[in-house]
N, C-alpha and C. Protein backbone atom coordinates (compact mmCIF):
# COMPACT_ATOMS: atom_id res chain seq x y z
N UNK A 1 0.83 -1.21 0.00
CA UNK A 1 0.00 0.00 0.00
C UNK A 1 0.86 1.26 0.00
N UNK A 2 2.03 1.17 0.65
CA UNK A 2 2.90 2.34 0.67
C UNK A 2 3.37 2.70 -0.74
N UNK A 3 3.71 1.67 -1.53
CA UNK A 3 4.15 1.93 -2.90
C UNK A 3 3.00 2.52 -3.71
N UNK A 4 1.77 2.03 -3.48
CA UNK A 4 0.60 2.62 -4.16
C UNK A 4 0.47 4.10 -3.84
N UNK A 5 0.76 4.45 -2.60
CA UNK A 5 0.70 5.86 -2.21
C UNK A 5 1.74 6.68 -2.95
N UNK A 6 2.94 6.09 -3.11
CA UNK A 6 3.99 6.79 -3.84
C UNK A 6 3.59 7.00 -5.30
N UNK A 7 2.99 5.96 -5.89
CA UNK A 7 2.58 6.05 -7.29
C UNK A 7 1.45 7.06 -7.46
N UNK A 8 0.40 6.94 -6.65
CA UNK A 8 -0.77 7.81 -6.79
C UNK A 8 -0.45 9.26 -6.45
N UNK A 9 0.49 9.44 -5.54
CA UNK A 9 0.85 10.80 -5.16
C UNK A 9 1.94 11.40 -6.01
N UNK A 10 2.45 10.59 -6.96
CA UNK A 10 3.52 11.07 -7.85
C UNK A 10 4.68 11.64 -7.04
N UNK A 11 5.01 10.96 -5.94
CA UNK A 11 6.07 11.45 -5.07
C UNK A 11 7.44 11.17 -5.68
N UNK A 12 8.39 12.03 -5.39
CA UNK A 12 9.72 11.90 -5.95
C UNK A 12 10.53 10.86 -5.19
N UNK A 13 11.47 10.26 -5.89
CA UNK A 13 12.41 9.35 -5.24
C UNK A 13 13.53 10.19 -4.64
N UNK A 14 13.66 10.13 -3.34
CA UNK A 14 14.73 10.87 -2.67
C UNK A 14 15.16 10.09 -1.43
N UNK A 15 16.03 10.69 -0.66
CA UNK A 15 16.56 10.00 0.51
C UNK A 15 15.46 9.67 1.51
N UNK A 16 14.49 10.54 1.64
CA UNK A 16 13.40 10.31 2.59
C UNK A 16 12.53 9.11 2.19
N UNK A 17 12.11 9.07 0.90
CA UNK A 17 11.28 7.96 0.46
C UNK A 17 12.05 6.65 0.48
N UNK A 18 13.34 6.72 0.10
CA UNK A 18 14.15 5.50 0.16
C UNK A 18 14.27 4.99 1.59
N UNK A 19 14.43 5.90 2.53
CA UNK A 19 14.57 5.50 3.94
C UNK A 19 13.28 4.84 4.44
N UNK A 20 12.14 5.33 3.99
CA UNK A 20 10.87 4.71 4.38
C UNK A 20 10.73 3.31 3.80
N UNK A 21 11.12 3.17 2.55
CA UNK A 21 11.10 1.84 1.92
C UNK A 21 12.03 0.90 2.66
N UNK A 22 13.21 1.39 3.00
CA UNK A 22 14.18 0.55 3.71
C UNK A 22 13.64 0.11 5.07
N UNK A 23 12.97 0.99 5.79
CA UNK A 23 12.43 0.64 7.11
C UNK A 23 11.33 -0.41 7.00
N UNK A 24 10.48 -0.29 5.96
CA UNK A 24 9.45 -1.31 5.75
C UNK A 24 10.10 -2.64 5.42
N UNK A 25 11.11 -2.60 4.56
CA UNK A 25 11.86 -3.81 4.20
C UNK A 25 12.46 -4.48 5.43
N UNK A 26 13.06 -3.69 6.29
CA UNK A 26 13.71 -4.24 7.49
C UNK A 26 12.69 -4.80 8.48
N UNK A 27 11.43 -4.36 8.36
CA UNK A 27 10.39 -4.84 9.28
C UNK A 27 9.86 -6.22 8.89
N UNK A 28 10.14 -6.66 7.66
CA UNK A 28 9.70 -8.00 7.28
C UNK A 28 10.41 -9.04 8.14
N UNK A 29 9.68 -10.05 8.62
CA UNK A 29 10.32 -11.05 9.48
C UNK A 29 11.33 -11.90 8.72
N UNK A 30 12.36 -12.30 9.42
CA UNK A 30 13.37 -13.20 8.87
C UNK A 30 13.17 -14.57 9.50
N UNK A 31 13.07 -15.58 8.64
CA UNK A 31 12.94 -16.96 9.12
C UNK A 31 14.07 -17.75 8.51
N UNK A 32 15.05 -18.13 9.32
CA UNK A 32 16.26 -18.74 8.78
C UNK A 32 16.00 -20.16 8.29
N UNK A 33 16.30 -20.38 7.02
CA UNK A 33 16.29 -21.71 6.44
C UNK A 33 17.58 -21.87 5.66
N UNK A 34 18.42 -22.87 5.97
CA UNK A 34 19.69 -23.01 5.26
C UNK A 34 19.47 -23.23 3.76
N UNK A 35 20.36 -22.64 2.94
CA UNK A 35 20.27 -22.83 1.50
C UNK A 35 20.83 -24.19 1.08
N UNK A 36 21.78 -24.71 1.87
CA UNK A 36 22.43 -25.96 1.53
C UNK A 36 22.27 -26.91 2.71
N UNK A 37 21.32 -27.78 2.61
CA UNK A 37 20.94 -28.64 3.73
C UNK A 37 21.84 -29.87 3.79
N UNK A 38 22.40 -30.14 4.97
CA UNK A 38 23.19 -31.34 5.15
C UNK A 38 22.29 -32.52 5.47
N UNK A 39 22.86 -33.72 5.39
CA UNK A 39 22.07 -34.92 5.65
C UNK A 39 21.57 -34.97 7.09
N UNK A 40 22.31 -34.31 7.96
CA UNK A 40 21.94 -34.37 9.38
C UNK A 40 21.29 -33.07 9.86
N UNK A 41 20.78 -32.24 8.93
CA UNK A 41 20.23 -30.95 9.34
C UNK A 41 19.05 -31.11 10.28
N UNK A 42 18.08 -31.90 9.91
CA UNK A 42 16.87 -31.97 10.72
C UNK A 42 16.17 -33.29 10.43
N UNK A 43 16.07 -34.14 11.44
CA UNK A 43 15.40 -35.43 11.26
C UNK A 43 13.89 -35.28 11.21
N UNK A 44 13.41 -34.14 11.66
CA UNK A 44 11.97 -33.91 11.68
C UNK A 44 11.55 -33.27 10.36
N UNK A 45 11.11 -34.10 9.41
CA UNK A 45 10.75 -33.60 8.09
C UNK A 45 9.61 -32.61 8.13
N UNK A 46 8.69 -32.81 9.02
CA UNK A 46 7.54 -31.90 9.13
C UNK A 46 7.99 -30.51 9.56
N UNK A 47 8.90 -30.46 10.50
CA UNK A 47 9.40 -29.19 10.99
C UNK A 47 10.13 -28.42 9.89
N UNK A 48 10.93 -29.12 9.12
CA UNK A 48 11.66 -28.49 8.03
C UNK A 48 10.71 -28.01 6.94
N UNK A 49 9.71 -28.83 6.62
CA UNK A 49 8.74 -28.47 5.60
C UNK A 49 7.98 -27.21 5.98
N UNK A 50 7.60 -27.11 7.24
CA UNK A 50 6.87 -25.93 7.71
C UNK A 50 7.74 -24.68 7.63
N UNK A 51 9.02 -24.84 7.98
CA UNK A 51 9.94 -23.70 7.94
C UNK A 51 10.13 -23.21 6.51
N UNK A 52 10.25 -24.15 5.57
CA UNK A 52 10.44 -23.78 4.17
C UNK A 52 9.19 -23.10 3.62
N UNK A 53 8.01 -23.62 3.96
CA UNK A 53 6.76 -23.02 3.50
C UNK A 53 6.61 -21.59 4.02
N UNK A 54 6.91 -21.40 5.29
CA UNK A 54 6.81 -20.06 5.88
C UNK A 54 7.81 -19.11 5.23
N UNK A 55 9.00 -19.64 4.97
CA UNK A 55 10.02 -18.80 4.34
C UNK A 55 9.63 -18.40 2.93
N UNK A 56 9.00 -19.30 2.18
CA UNK A 56 8.56 -18.99 0.82
C UNK A 56 7.52 -17.88 0.81
N UNK A 57 6.55 -17.96 1.73
CA UNK A 57 5.51 -16.94 1.81
C UNK A 57 6.11 -15.60 2.16
N UNK A 58 6.96 -15.58 3.17
CA UNK A 58 7.60 -14.33 3.60
C UNK A 58 8.49 -13.78 2.50
N UNK A 59 9.24 -14.66 1.83
CA UNK A 59 10.15 -14.22 0.79
C UNK A 59 9.40 -13.58 -0.38
N UNK A 60 8.30 -14.19 -0.78
CA UNK A 60 7.54 -13.65 -1.91
C UNK A 60 6.90 -12.32 -1.56
N UNK A 61 6.44 -12.19 -0.32
CA UNK A 61 5.81 -10.93 0.11
C UNK A 61 6.81 -9.78 0.07
N UNK A 62 7.97 -10.00 0.63
CA UNK A 62 8.98 -8.95 0.66
C UNK A 62 9.51 -8.66 -0.75
N UNK A 63 9.74 -9.70 -1.53
CA UNK A 63 10.25 -9.53 -2.90
C UNK A 63 9.25 -8.74 -3.74
N UNK A 64 7.96 -9.04 -3.58
CA UNK A 64 6.92 -8.32 -4.33
C UNK A 64 6.92 -6.84 -3.96
N UNK A 65 7.09 -6.56 -2.67
CA UNK A 65 7.13 -5.18 -2.21
C UNK A 65 8.31 -4.43 -2.85
N UNK A 66 9.49 -5.06 -2.85
CA UNK A 66 10.67 -4.41 -3.41
C UNK A 66 10.57 -4.27 -4.92
N UNK A 67 10.00 -5.28 -5.59
CA UNK A 67 9.84 -5.18 -7.05
C UNK A 67 8.90 -4.03 -7.41
N UNK A 68 7.83 -3.88 -6.63
CA UNK A 68 6.89 -2.78 -6.87
C UNK A 68 7.59 -1.43 -6.65
N UNK A 69 8.43 -1.36 -5.63
CA UNK A 69 9.16 -0.11 -5.36
C UNK A 69 10.14 0.19 -6.50
N UNK A 70 10.75 -0.85 -7.05
CA UNK A 70 11.68 -0.65 -8.18
C UNK A 70 10.92 -0.15 -9.41
N UNK A 71 9.75 -0.73 -9.67
CA UNK A 71 8.95 -0.27 -10.82
C UNK A 71 8.55 1.19 -10.65
N UNK A 72 8.15 1.55 -9.44
CA UNK A 72 7.79 2.94 -9.18
C UNK A 72 8.98 3.86 -9.42
N UNK A 73 10.15 3.47 -8.92
CA UNK A 73 11.33 4.32 -9.09
C UNK A 73 11.72 4.46 -10.56
N UNK A 74 11.47 3.41 -11.36
CA UNK A 74 11.75 3.49 -12.79
C UNK A 74 10.76 4.43 -13.48
N UNK A 75 9.51 4.37 -13.06
CA UNK A 75 8.47 5.19 -13.70
C UNK A 75 8.67 6.68 -13.46
N UNK A 76 9.24 7.03 -12.29
CA UNK A 76 9.43 8.46 -12.02
C UNK A 76 10.78 8.95 -12.53
N UNK A 77 11.55 8.04 -13.14
CA UNK A 77 12.72 8.49 -13.87
C UNK A 77 14.04 8.49 -13.14
N UNK A 78 14.20 7.72 -12.03
CA UNK A 78 15.50 7.67 -11.37
C UNK A 78 16.55 7.08 -12.30
N UNK A 79 16.17 6.03 -13.03
CA UNK A 79 16.98 5.43 -14.09
C UNK A 79 16.07 4.48 -14.85
N UNK A 80 16.52 4.07 -16.02
CA UNK A 80 15.69 3.20 -16.85
C UNK A 80 15.35 1.90 -16.14
N UNK A 81 16.28 1.39 -15.35
CA UNK A 81 16.07 0.12 -14.64
C UNK A 81 15.53 0.28 -13.24
N UNK A 82 15.31 1.52 -12.81
CA UNK A 82 14.86 1.74 -11.44
C UNK A 82 16.03 2.02 -10.51
N UNK A 83 15.72 2.27 -9.27
CA UNK A 83 16.72 2.65 -8.28
C UNK A 83 17.81 1.58 -8.11
N UNK A 84 19.09 1.93 -8.33
CA UNK A 84 20.16 0.96 -8.10
C UNK A 84 20.21 0.47 -6.66
N UNK A 85 19.93 1.37 -5.71
CA UNK A 85 19.96 0.98 -4.29
C UNK A 85 18.91 -0.08 -3.99
N UNK A 86 17.72 0.06 -4.59
CA UNK A 86 16.67 -0.93 -4.36
C UNK A 86 17.00 -2.27 -5.01
N UNK A 87 17.67 -2.23 -6.15
CA UNK A 87 18.10 -3.48 -6.79
C UNK A 87 19.09 -4.23 -5.90
N UNK A 88 20.03 -3.50 -5.30
CA UNK A 88 21.00 -4.14 -4.40
C UNK A 88 20.28 -4.73 -3.19
N UNK A 89 19.32 -3.99 -2.66
CA UNK A 89 18.54 -4.46 -1.52
C UNK A 89 17.81 -5.76 -1.85
N UNK A 90 17.19 -5.82 -3.02
CA UNK A 90 16.46 -7.02 -3.43
C UNK A 90 17.41 -8.18 -3.69
N UNK A 91 18.55 -7.91 -4.29
CA UNK A 91 19.53 -8.97 -4.54
C UNK A 91 20.00 -9.60 -3.23
N UNK A 92 20.34 -8.77 -2.26
CA UNK A 92 20.78 -9.27 -0.96
C UNK A 92 19.67 -10.08 -0.29
N UNK A 93 18.44 -9.59 -0.42
CA UNK A 93 17.33 -10.27 0.23
C UNK A 93 17.10 -11.65 -0.38
N UNK A 94 17.07 -11.73 -1.70
CA UNK A 94 16.85 -13.02 -2.37
C UNK A 94 17.93 -14.01 -1.97
N UNK A 95 19.17 -13.54 -1.92
CA UNK A 95 20.27 -14.46 -1.59
C UNK A 95 20.21 -14.92 -0.14
N UNK A 96 19.94 -14.00 0.77
CA UNK A 96 20.03 -14.32 2.20
C UNK A 96 18.77 -14.94 2.77
N UNK A 97 17.60 -14.65 2.16
CA UNK A 97 16.35 -15.06 2.78
C UNK A 97 15.53 -16.07 1.99
N UNK A 98 15.74 -16.16 0.70
CA UNK A 98 14.94 -17.10 -0.09
C UNK A 98 15.36 -18.53 0.21
N UNK A 99 14.40 -19.44 0.44
CA UNK A 99 14.75 -20.83 0.74
C UNK A 99 15.30 -21.56 -0.49
N UNK A 100 15.05 -21.02 -1.68
CA UNK A 100 15.56 -21.62 -2.91
C UNK A 100 16.30 -20.53 -3.68
N UNK A 101 17.58 -20.39 -3.39
CA UNK A 101 18.35 -19.29 -3.95
C UNK A 101 18.47 -19.42 -5.46
N UNK A 102 18.04 -18.38 -6.15
CA UNK A 102 18.13 -18.31 -7.61
C UNK A 102 19.26 -17.33 -7.94
N UNK A 103 20.45 -17.87 -8.26
CA UNK A 103 21.60 -17.01 -8.48
C UNK A 103 21.44 -16.13 -9.72
N UNK A 104 20.65 -16.57 -10.68
CA UNK A 104 20.43 -15.72 -11.86
C UNK A 104 19.66 -14.47 -11.47
N UNK A 105 18.62 -14.62 -10.65
CA UNK A 105 17.87 -13.45 -10.18
C UNK A 105 18.74 -12.56 -9.29
N UNK A 106 19.49 -13.19 -8.41
CA UNK A 106 20.38 -12.42 -7.54
C UNK A 106 21.34 -11.57 -8.37
N UNK A 107 21.97 -12.21 -9.34
CA UNK A 107 22.95 -11.50 -10.18
C UNK A 107 22.29 -10.41 -11.02
N UNK A 108 21.09 -10.69 -11.54
CA UNK A 108 20.42 -9.71 -12.40
C UNK A 108 20.11 -8.43 -11.64
N UNK A 109 19.82 -8.54 -10.35
CA UNK A 109 19.55 -7.33 -9.57
C UNK A 109 20.86 -6.64 -9.15
N UNK A 110 21.88 -7.42 -8.83
CA UNK A 110 23.15 -6.79 -8.48
C UNK A 110 23.71 -5.97 -9.64
N UNK A 111 23.63 -6.49 -10.86
CA UNK A 111 24.22 -5.75 -11.98
C UNK A 111 23.40 -4.51 -12.34
N UNK A 112 22.15 -4.47 -11.90
CA UNK A 112 21.35 -3.25 -12.06
C UNK A 112 21.55 -2.30 -10.88
N UNK A 113 22.33 -2.76 -9.92
CA UNK A 113 22.61 -1.95 -8.75
C UNK A 113 23.87 -1.11 -8.92
N UNK A 114 24.41 -0.69 -7.80
CA UNK A 114 25.57 0.20 -7.83
C UNK A 114 26.63 -0.22 -6.82
N UNK A 115 26.70 -1.51 -6.53
CA UNK A 115 27.65 -1.95 -5.50
C UNK A 115 28.30 -3.28 -5.89
N UNK A 116 29.26 -3.24 -6.84
CA UNK A 116 29.94 -4.49 -7.23
C UNK A 116 30.72 -5.14 -6.08
N UNK A 117 31.10 -4.36 -5.07
CA UNK A 117 31.80 -4.94 -3.94
C UNK A 117 30.88 -5.88 -3.15
N UNK A 118 29.64 -5.46 -2.96
CA UNK A 118 28.68 -6.34 -2.28
C UNK A 118 28.40 -7.57 -3.13
N UNK A 119 28.33 -7.39 -4.44
CA UNK A 119 28.14 -8.51 -5.35
C UNK A 119 29.29 -9.50 -5.20
N UNK A 120 30.51 -8.99 -5.14
CA UNK A 120 31.67 -9.86 -4.98
C UNK A 120 31.62 -10.60 -3.64
N UNK A 121 31.19 -9.91 -2.59
CA UNK A 121 31.09 -10.54 -1.28
C UNK A 121 30.08 -11.68 -1.30
N UNK A 122 28.95 -11.46 -1.98
CA UNK A 122 27.94 -12.50 -2.09
C UNK A 122 28.47 -13.70 -2.88
N UNK A 123 29.20 -13.43 -3.97
CA UNK A 123 29.76 -14.52 -4.77
C UNK A 123 30.79 -15.31 -3.96
N UNK A 124 31.61 -14.62 -3.17
CA UNK A 124 32.59 -15.30 -2.34
C UNK A 124 31.90 -16.21 -1.33
N UNK A 125 30.81 -15.73 -0.76
CA UNK A 125 30.04 -16.53 0.17
C UNK A 125 29.44 -17.75 -0.52
N UNK A 126 28.89 -17.52 -1.71
CA UNK A 126 28.29 -18.61 -2.48
C UNK A 126 29.32 -19.67 -2.85
N UNK A 127 30.52 -19.24 -3.20
CA UNK A 127 31.57 -20.19 -3.60
C UNK A 127 31.99 -21.09 -2.45
N UNK A 128 31.80 -20.62 -1.23
CA UNK A 128 32.13 -21.45 -0.07
C UNK A 128 31.07 -22.48 0.24
N UNK A 129 29.92 -22.44 -0.47
CA UNK A 129 28.81 -23.33 -0.18
C UNK A 129 28.33 -24.14 -1.37
N UNK A 130 28.63 -23.68 -2.58
CA UNK A 130 28.01 -24.26 -3.76
C UNK A 130 28.60 -25.63 -4.12
N UNK A 131 27.93 -26.29 -5.05
CA UNK A 131 28.40 -27.57 -5.55
C UNK A 131 29.54 -27.35 -6.54
N UNK A 132 30.41 -28.35 -6.71
CA UNK A 132 31.51 -28.22 -7.67
C UNK A 132 30.98 -27.89 -9.07
N UNK A 133 31.64 -26.95 -9.71
CA UNK A 133 31.25 -26.57 -11.06
C UNK A 133 30.28 -25.41 -11.14
N UNK A 134 29.72 -25.02 -9.98
CA UNK A 134 28.79 -23.88 -9.98
C UNK A 134 29.50 -22.55 -9.81
N UNK A 135 30.71 -22.59 -9.24
CA UNK A 135 31.39 -21.34 -8.92
C UNK A 135 31.81 -20.55 -10.15
N UNK A 136 32.43 -21.23 -11.13
CA UNK A 136 32.88 -20.48 -12.30
C UNK A 136 31.70 -19.95 -13.12
N UNK A 137 30.61 -20.71 -13.15
CA UNK A 137 29.43 -20.25 -13.87
C UNK A 137 28.85 -19.01 -13.22
N UNK A 138 28.81 -18.97 -11.89
CA UNK A 138 28.26 -17.81 -11.18
C UNK A 138 29.10 -16.57 -11.46
N UNK A 139 30.42 -16.73 -11.46
CA UNK A 139 31.31 -15.59 -11.73
C UNK A 139 31.12 -15.10 -13.16
N UNK A 140 31.17 -16.04 -14.11
CA UNK A 140 31.03 -15.66 -15.53
C UNK A 140 29.69 -15.00 -15.79
N UNK A 141 28.64 -15.52 -15.15
CA UNK A 141 27.30 -14.93 -15.34
C UNK A 141 27.30 -13.46 -14.92
N UNK A 142 27.88 -13.18 -13.75
CA UNK A 142 27.92 -11.80 -13.27
C UNK A 142 28.68 -10.88 -14.21
N UNK A 143 29.84 -11.33 -14.66
CA UNK A 143 30.65 -10.52 -15.56
C UNK A 143 29.91 -10.24 -16.86
N UNK A 144 29.32 -11.29 -17.43
CA UNK A 144 28.64 -11.14 -18.72
C UNK A 144 27.38 -10.28 -18.58
N UNK A 145 26.70 -10.38 -17.45
CA UNK A 145 25.53 -9.52 -17.24
C UNK A 145 25.95 -8.05 -17.21
N UNK A 146 27.07 -7.76 -16.54
CA UNK A 146 27.57 -6.39 -16.57
C UNK A 146 27.90 -5.97 -18.00
N UNK A 147 28.59 -6.85 -18.74
CA UNK A 147 28.98 -6.51 -20.10
C UNK A 147 27.78 -6.33 -21.01
N UNK A 148 26.71 -7.11 -20.75
CA UNK A 148 25.51 -6.99 -21.58
C UNK A 148 24.85 -5.63 -21.43
N UNK A 149 25.18 -4.93 -20.33
CA UNK A 149 24.66 -3.57 -20.11
C UNK A 149 25.70 -2.52 -20.49
N UNK A 150 26.81 -2.97 -21.09
CA UNK A 150 27.85 -2.03 -21.47
C UNK A 150 28.66 -1.52 -20.29
N UNK A 151 28.66 -2.25 -19.19
CA UNK A 151 29.31 -1.80 -17.96
C UNK A 151 30.61 -2.56 -17.75
N UNK A 152 31.62 -2.23 -18.54
CA UNK A 152 32.92 -2.88 -18.43
C UNK A 152 33.61 -2.53 -17.12
N UNK A 153 33.40 -1.31 -16.63
CA UNK A 153 34.04 -0.88 -15.39
C UNK A 153 33.67 -1.79 -14.22
N UNK A 154 32.36 -2.01 -14.01
CA UNK A 154 31.93 -2.82 -12.88
C UNK A 154 32.23 -4.30 -13.09
N UNK A 155 32.31 -4.74 -14.34
CA UNK A 155 32.73 -6.13 -14.60
C UNK A 155 34.14 -6.34 -14.11
N UNK A 156 35.02 -5.37 -14.37
CA UNK A 156 36.40 -5.45 -13.88
C UNK A 156 36.46 -5.31 -12.36
N UNK A 157 35.66 -4.39 -11.82
CA UNK A 157 35.63 -4.23 -10.37
C UNK A 157 35.19 -5.51 -9.67
N UNK A 158 34.20 -6.18 -10.24
CA UNK A 158 33.71 -7.43 -9.67
C UNK A 158 34.83 -8.46 -9.60
N UNK A 159 35.55 -8.63 -10.68
CA UNK A 159 36.63 -9.60 -10.70
C UNK A 159 37.74 -9.23 -9.72
N UNK A 160 38.14 -7.97 -9.70
CA UNK A 160 39.22 -7.55 -8.80
C UNK A 160 38.83 -7.71 -7.34
N UNK A 161 37.62 -7.29 -7.00
CA UNK A 161 37.16 -7.38 -5.61
C UNK A 161 37.00 -8.83 -5.19
N UNK A 162 36.50 -9.68 -6.09
CA UNK A 162 36.31 -11.09 -5.76
C UNK A 162 37.65 -11.76 -5.48
N UNK A 163 38.66 -11.44 -6.26
CA UNK A 163 40.00 -12.00 -6.02
C UNK A 163 40.48 -11.64 -4.63
N UNK A 164 40.30 -10.38 -4.22
CA UNK A 164 40.74 -9.93 -2.91
C UNK A 164 39.97 -10.64 -1.79
N UNK A 165 38.67 -10.77 -1.97
CA UNK A 165 37.86 -11.39 -0.92
C UNK A 165 38.16 -12.88 -0.79
N UNK A 166 38.42 -13.54 -1.89
CA UNK A 166 38.75 -14.96 -1.82
C UNK A 166 40.09 -15.18 -1.12
N UNK A 167 41.02 -14.27 -1.33
CA UNK A 167 42.30 -14.36 -0.63
C UNK A 167 42.10 -14.29 0.88
N UNK A 168 41.24 -13.39 1.31
CA UNK A 168 41.03 -13.20 2.75
C UNK A 168 40.29 -14.36 3.39
N UNK A 169 39.59 -15.17 2.58
CA UNK A 169 38.85 -16.31 3.12
C UNK A 169 39.52 -17.65 2.80
N UNK A 170 40.74 -17.57 2.24
CA UNK A 170 41.51 -18.77 1.91
C UNK A 170 40.80 -19.69 0.91
N UNK A 171 40.02 -19.08 0.02
CA UNK A 171 39.40 -19.84 -1.06
C UNK A 171 40.15 -19.55 -2.36
N UNK A 172 40.26 -20.56 -3.20
CA UNK A 172 40.98 -20.40 -4.46
C UNK A 172 40.06 -19.86 -5.55
N UNK A 173 40.59 -18.99 -6.36
CA UNK A 173 39.84 -18.52 -7.51
C UNK A 173 39.82 -19.66 -8.54
N UNK A 174 38.65 -19.98 -9.10
CA UNK A 174 38.58 -21.10 -10.05
C UNK A 174 39.56 -20.93 -11.21
N UNK A 175 40.11 -22.03 -11.67
CA UNK A 175 41.08 -22.00 -12.76
C UNK A 175 40.56 -22.77 -13.97
N UNK A 176 39.27 -22.72 -14.18
CA UNK A 176 38.68 -23.45 -15.31
C UNK A 176 38.88 -22.68 -16.61
N UNK A 177 38.61 -23.37 -17.72
CA UNK A 177 38.71 -22.71 -19.03
C UNK A 177 37.78 -21.52 -19.13
N UNK A 178 36.59 -21.64 -18.53
CA UNK A 178 35.62 -20.55 -18.59
C UNK A 178 36.15 -19.31 -17.89
N UNK A 179 36.77 -19.48 -16.71
CA UNK A 179 37.31 -18.34 -15.98
C UNK A 179 38.52 -17.76 -16.71
N UNK A 180 39.36 -18.62 -17.28
CA UNK A 180 40.49 -18.12 -18.05
C UNK A 180 40.01 -17.27 -19.22
N UNK A 181 38.93 -17.72 -19.84
CA UNK A 181 38.37 -16.94 -20.94
C UNK A 181 37.87 -15.58 -20.46
N UNK A 182 37.15 -15.57 -19.32
CA UNK A 182 36.64 -14.31 -18.78
C UNK A 182 37.79 -13.36 -18.46
N UNK A 183 38.87 -13.89 -17.87
CA UNK A 183 40.03 -13.06 -17.55
C UNK A 183 40.66 -12.48 -18.81
N UNK A 184 40.62 -13.25 -19.89
CA UNK A 184 41.18 -12.79 -21.15
C UNK A 184 40.21 -11.85 -21.87
N UNK A 185 38.93 -12.07 -21.68
CA UNK A 185 37.92 -11.28 -22.36
C UNK A 185 37.95 -9.82 -21.94
N UNK A 186 38.08 -9.56 -20.64
CA UNK A 186 37.97 -8.20 -20.14
C UNK A 186 39.03 -7.26 -20.73
N UNK A 187 40.32 -7.62 -20.66
CA UNK A 187 41.30 -6.71 -21.28
C UNK A 187 41.17 -6.67 -22.80
N UNK A 188 40.68 -7.75 -23.39
CA UNK A 188 40.48 -7.75 -24.84
C UNK A 188 39.43 -6.73 -25.24
N UNK A 189 38.36 -6.64 -24.46
CA UNK A 189 37.33 -5.65 -24.74
C UNK A 189 37.85 -4.23 -24.58
N UNK A 190 38.76 -4.04 -23.63
CA UNK A 190 39.34 -2.72 -23.44
C UNK A 190 40.18 -2.31 -24.64
N UNK A 191 40.80 -3.31 -25.31
CA UNK A 191 41.67 -3.02 -26.46
C UNK A 191 40.98 -3.25 -27.79
N UNK A 192 39.71 -3.71 -27.77
CA UNK A 192 39.00 -4.04 -29.01
C UNK A 192 39.76 -5.07 -29.84
N UNK A 193 40.36 -6.04 -29.16
CA UNK A 193 41.18 -7.04 -29.86
C UNK A 193 40.43 -8.36 -29.97
N UNK A 194 39.22 -8.35 -30.51
CA UNK A 194 38.36 -9.52 -30.55
C UNK A 194 38.97 -10.74 -31.26
N UNK A 195 39.76 -10.57 -32.35
CA UNK A 195 40.32 -11.76 -33.01
C UNK A 195 41.20 -12.62 -32.13
N UNK A 196 41.76 -12.02 -31.05
CA UNK A 196 42.63 -12.77 -30.16
C UNK A 196 41.88 -13.81 -29.34
N UNK A 197 40.54 -13.77 -29.37
CA UNK A 197 39.74 -14.70 -28.58
C UNK A 197 39.58 -16.05 -29.27
N UNK A 198 40.08 -16.20 -30.48
CA UNK A 198 39.86 -17.42 -31.24
C UNK A 198 40.32 -18.68 -30.55
N UNK A 199 41.35 -18.58 -29.71
CA UNK A 199 41.89 -19.75 -29.00
C UNK A 199 40.89 -20.34 -28.02
N UNK A 200 39.91 -19.53 -27.60
CA UNK A 200 38.98 -19.94 -26.56
C UNK A 200 37.62 -20.32 -27.14
N UNK A 201 37.64 -21.10 -28.21
CA UNK A 201 36.40 -21.44 -28.90
C UNK A 201 35.36 -22.08 -28.00
N UNK A 202 35.76 -23.07 -27.18
CA UNK A 202 34.80 -23.77 -26.32
C UNK A 202 34.21 -22.81 -25.29
N UNK A 203 35.05 -21.97 -24.68
CA UNK A 203 34.55 -21.02 -23.69
C UNK A 203 33.65 -19.98 -24.32
N UNK A 204 33.96 -19.59 -25.56
CA UNK A 204 33.10 -18.65 -26.26
C UNK A 204 31.72 -19.24 -26.45
N UNK A 205 31.67 -20.53 -26.78
CA UNK A 205 30.37 -21.19 -26.95
C UNK A 205 29.61 -21.20 -25.64
N UNK A 206 30.33 -21.42 -24.52
CA UNK A 206 29.67 -21.38 -23.21
C UNK A 206 29.09 -19.99 -22.95
N UNK A 207 29.87 -18.97 -23.26
CA UNK A 207 29.42 -17.60 -23.05
C UNK A 207 28.24 -17.28 -23.95
N UNK A 208 28.29 -17.78 -25.20
CA UNK A 208 27.17 -17.54 -26.12
C UNK A 208 25.88 -18.14 -25.57
N UNK A 209 25.98 -19.33 -24.96
CA UNK A 209 24.80 -19.96 -24.38
C UNK A 209 24.26 -19.10 -23.24
N UNK A 210 25.17 -18.62 -22.38
CA UNK A 210 24.74 -17.77 -21.27
C UNK A 210 24.13 -16.47 -21.80
N UNK A 211 24.74 -15.90 -22.85
CA UNK A 211 24.24 -14.65 -23.41
C UNK A 211 22.84 -14.82 -23.98
N UNK A 212 22.60 -15.93 -24.67
CA UNK A 212 21.27 -16.19 -25.18
C UNK A 212 20.26 -16.28 -24.05
N UNK A 213 20.69 -16.91 -22.95
CA UNK A 213 19.82 -17.04 -21.80
C UNK A 213 19.50 -15.68 -21.21
N UNK A 214 20.50 -14.78 -21.25
CA UNK A 214 20.33 -13.46 -20.64
C UNK A 214 19.33 -12.59 -21.38
N UNK A 215 19.03 -12.94 -22.61
CA UNK A 215 18.08 -12.12 -23.36
C UNK A 215 16.70 -12.11 -22.72
N UNK A 216 16.44 -13.10 -21.89
CA UNK A 216 15.12 -13.16 -21.24
C UNK A 216 15.17 -12.61 -19.81
N UNK A 217 16.34 -12.16 -19.36
CA UNK A 217 16.42 -11.76 -17.95
C UNK A 217 16.10 -10.28 -17.77
């Protein structure tokens, strides 16, 4: 209803309205449900099922509120994609509170935001929990999403910050062909040296698949 008031009243997006949105967001209850459940997490299946159901309802309610606020901020002209601060808020919420973390949605909101350092922190956290083979895809997805918006600066910032954060947590940066390609892609784009990418044919195909997928995001 608060967002409806903002829309109907044609109120401007400013620090005051953002602060009100943030306070409403912070008032939503948090119900902790682990994203990566171990075999010994909870022997009581009913208890776990109830927790997940409650988390889904709460997650959708808060996400809907933030999405509505983003649409309002886009309509009044803060930016074509809506308020970057609200996108970061929604990305953090989906990652930390959703019982079924959708990294594509998380990444899509972070790249519409204005805080690649927080994005890097989230990716570092995810890499410490994810299944083998998911880490390089998550990194490449974030970089390519930035590039799809013409944001080479934040794509580089994401990679640099992620390297630093992984060092501090004693996690290794993936050394897969896909990551090697991404590392080579960024300076190549800065120099417009596209023919030099020919050596990475398989990784290019992987990126093309991700890029096609991004057309719907």
